[in-house]
């Protein structure tokens, strides 16, 4: 009987330990300057292949709140990524533009360089290794 109890204990212990194993890293994203409570905050985590081309590797959405806002992308595999965020004032799930082509809604990327024109993966990318990261973004 003790042999069976020991086997059962070891099986439960190994299941518990494997359930606690972490696969990938956590990327904490901090948006430093949400200016108002209007609309939603939309964010995406992208690879070079899907940057600015539709759905990301992971996505996040929440109601906008003025001030600093943070959220996480979890279990992210090593590699090069970029993050885009925007405040969708009218909740239409896309960036709106003036007739001149300038965006009318706040946005930012994981790169610190905000050049004229659309963001590029090259200027926005960062590398995920085996340690958790914090990425700070300003609109």
Protein backbone atom coordinates (compact mmCIF):
# COMPACT_ATOMS: atom_id res chain seq x y z
CA UNK A 1 0.00 0.00 0.00
CA UNK A 2 2.85 2.40 0.87
CA UNK A 3 4.39 1.74 -2.53
CA UNK A 4 1.17 2.87 -4.24
CA UNK A 5 0.90 5.97 -2.03
CA UNK A 6 4.50 6.93 -2.84
CA UNK A 7 3.85 6.49 -6.58
CA UNK A 8 0.67 8.60 -6.35
CA UNK A 9 2.50 11.31 -4.39
CA UNK A 10 5.33 11.45 -6.94
CA UNK A 11 2.87 11.63 -9.85
CA UNK A 12 0.94 14.52 -8.27
CA UNK A 13 4.17 16.35 -7.39
CA UNK A 14 5.51 16.05 -10.95
CA UNK A 15 2.20 17.34 -12.38
CA UNK A 16 2.28 20.31 -10.02
CA UNK A 17 5.88 21.15 -10.89
CA UNK A 18 5.30 20.92 -14.64
CA UNK A 19 2.17 23.08 -14.34
CA UNK A 20 4.31 25.78 -12.72
CA UNK A 21 6.99 25.77 -15.42
CA UNK A 22 7.07 28.96 -17.44
CA UNK A 23 7.41 28.85 -21.21
CA UNK A 24 8.62 32.15 -22.63
CA UNK A 25 8.96 35.56 -21.04
CA UNK A 26 6.60 38.27 -19.90
CA UNK A 27 6.74 41.67 -21.60
CA UNK A 28 5.28 44.40 -19.42
CA UNK A 29 4.17 47.38 -21.51
CA UNK A 30 3.78 50.78 -19.84
CA UNK A 31 2.03 53.58 -21.71
CA UNK A 32 3.25 56.70 -19.93
CA UNK A 33 0.85 59.40 -21.06
CA UNK A 34 -2.73 58.43 -21.88
CA UNK A 35 -4.22 61.94 -22.14
CA UNK A 36 -7.90 61.16 -21.51
CA UNK A 37 -10.53 58.45 -20.94
CA UNK A 38 -11.93 58.56 -24.47
CA UNK A 39 -12.32 55.26 -26.38
CA UNK A 40 -10.11 52.21 -26.08
CA UNK A 41 -6.41 51.42 -25.95
CA UNK A 42 -5.41 48.84 -28.58
CA UNK A 43 -2.00 47.17 -28.67
CA UNK A 44 -0.31 44.49 -30.71
CA UNK A 45 2.90 42.50 -30.46
CA UNK A 46 4.39 41.85 -33.90
CA UNK A 47 7.20 40.05 -35.68
CA UNK A 48 8.80 41.51 -38.78
CA UNK A 49 6.57 39.33 -40.95
CA UNK A 50 3.26 40.67 -39.60
CA UNK A 51 4.21 44.23 -38.52
CA UNK A 52 1.54 46.69 -39.76
CA UNK A 53 -0.09 43.85 -41.74
CA UNK A 54 -3.02 42.67 -39.63
CA UNK A 55 -3.22 40.62 -36.47
CA UNK A 56 -0.18 40.40 -34.25
CA UNK A 57 1.39 37.53 -32.38
CA UNK A 58 -0.60 38.76 -29.38
CA UNK A 59 -3.05 41.62 -28.89
CA UNK A 60 -4.43 43.66 -26.00
CA UNK A 61 -7.43 45.98 -25.63
CA UNK A 62 -8.88 47.89 -22.69
CA UNK A 63 -10.94 50.99 -21.94
CA UNK A 64 -8.79 54.12 -21.99
CA UNK A 65 -7.92 55.74 -18.66
CA UNK A 66 -5.99 59.00 -18.37
CA UNK A 67 -2.51 58.66 -16.90
CA UNK A 68 -0.17 55.70 -16.92
CA UNK A 69 -1.44 52.32 -18.09
CA UNK A 70 0.33 48.96 -17.99
CA UNK A 71 -0.42 45.48 -19.28
CA UNK A 72 1.45 42.28 -20.15
CA UNK A 73 2.12 39.98 -23.05
CA UNK A 74 2.93 36.57 -21.54
CA UNK A 75 4.72 33.39 -22.63
CA UNK A 76 6.57 35.12 -25.49
CA UNK A 77 9.23 33.05 -27.25
CA UNK A 78 12.71 34.46 -27.91
CA UNK A 79 13.07 36.58 -31.06
CA UNK A 80 12.72 40.09 -32.45
CA UNK A 81 9.41 41.89 -31.88
CA UNK A 82 7.81 45.33 -32.08
CA UNK A 83 4.81 46.74 -30.22
CA UNK A 84 2.30 49.28 -31.50
CA UNK A 85 -0.32 51.00 -29.35
CA UNK A 86 -3.05 53.47 -30.17
CA UNK A 87 -5.96 55.18 -28.50
CA UNK A 88 -9.04 54.39 -30.59
CA UNK A 89 -11.22 57.41 -29.76
CA UNK A 90 -14.28 56.30 -31.75
CA UNK A 91 -13.89 52.55 -31.04
CA UNK A 92 -13.88 51.56 -34.72
CA UNK A 93 -10.88 49.20 -34.24
CA UNK A 94 -8.58 51.10 -36.63
CA UNK A 95 -6.44 54.22 -36.91
CA UNK A 96 -8.24 57.24 -38.36
CA UNK A 97 -6.47 59.85 -40.47
CA UNK A 98 -6.96 63.46 -41.58
CA UNK A 99 -7.30 64.16 -45.30
CA UNK A 100 -3.57 65.03 -45.29
CA UNK A 101 -2.71 61.53 -44.07
CA UNK A 102 -1.83 62.53 -40.50
CA UNK A 103 -3.27 60.32 -37.74
CA UNK A 104 -6.02 61.88 -35.63
CA UNK A 105 -5.66 59.37 -32.78
CA UNK A 106 -2.65 59.05 -30.45
CA UNK A 107 -0.26 56.18 -31.16
CA UNK A 108 3.20 54.97 -30.26
CA UNK A 109 5.60 52.11 -30.86
CA UNK A 110 8.23 50.27 -28.88
CA UNK A 111 10.93 52.28 -30.65
CA UNK A 112 11.92 55.63 -29.24
CA UNK A 113 12.24 57.26 -32.65
CA UNK A 114 9.02 58.86 -33.94
CA UNK A 115 9.93 59.74 -37.51
CA UNK A 116 7.59 61.29 -40.04
CA UNK A 117 5.58 58.65 -41.85
CA UNK A 118 4.44 55.27 -40.66
CA UNK A 119 6.52 53.41 -38.08
CA UNK A 120 8.95 50.77 -39.30
CA UNK A 121 9.77 47.43 -37.75
CA UNK A 122 13.47 48.31 -37.82
CA UNK A 123 12.95 51.44 -35.67
CA UNK A 124 10.48 49.70 -33.33
CA UNK A 125 12.08 46.30 -32.75
CA UNK A 126 13.52 44.88 -29.58
CA UNK A 127 14.89 41.42 -28.79
CA UNK A 128 13.30 38.95 -26.41
CA UNK A 129 15.77 36.61 -24.74
CA UNK A 130 15.21 34.54 -21.62
CA UNK A 131 14.46 37.38 -19.15
CA UNK A 132 11.26 39.36 -18.63
CA UNK A 133 11.20 42.85 -20.16
CA UNK A 134 9.55 46.20 -19.54
CA UNK A 135 8.83 48.38 -22.57
CA UNK A 136 7.78 52.02 -22.01
CA UNK A 137 5.84 53.79 -24.75
CA UNK A 138 4.73 57.43 -25.11
CA UNK A 139 1.98 58.61 -27.44
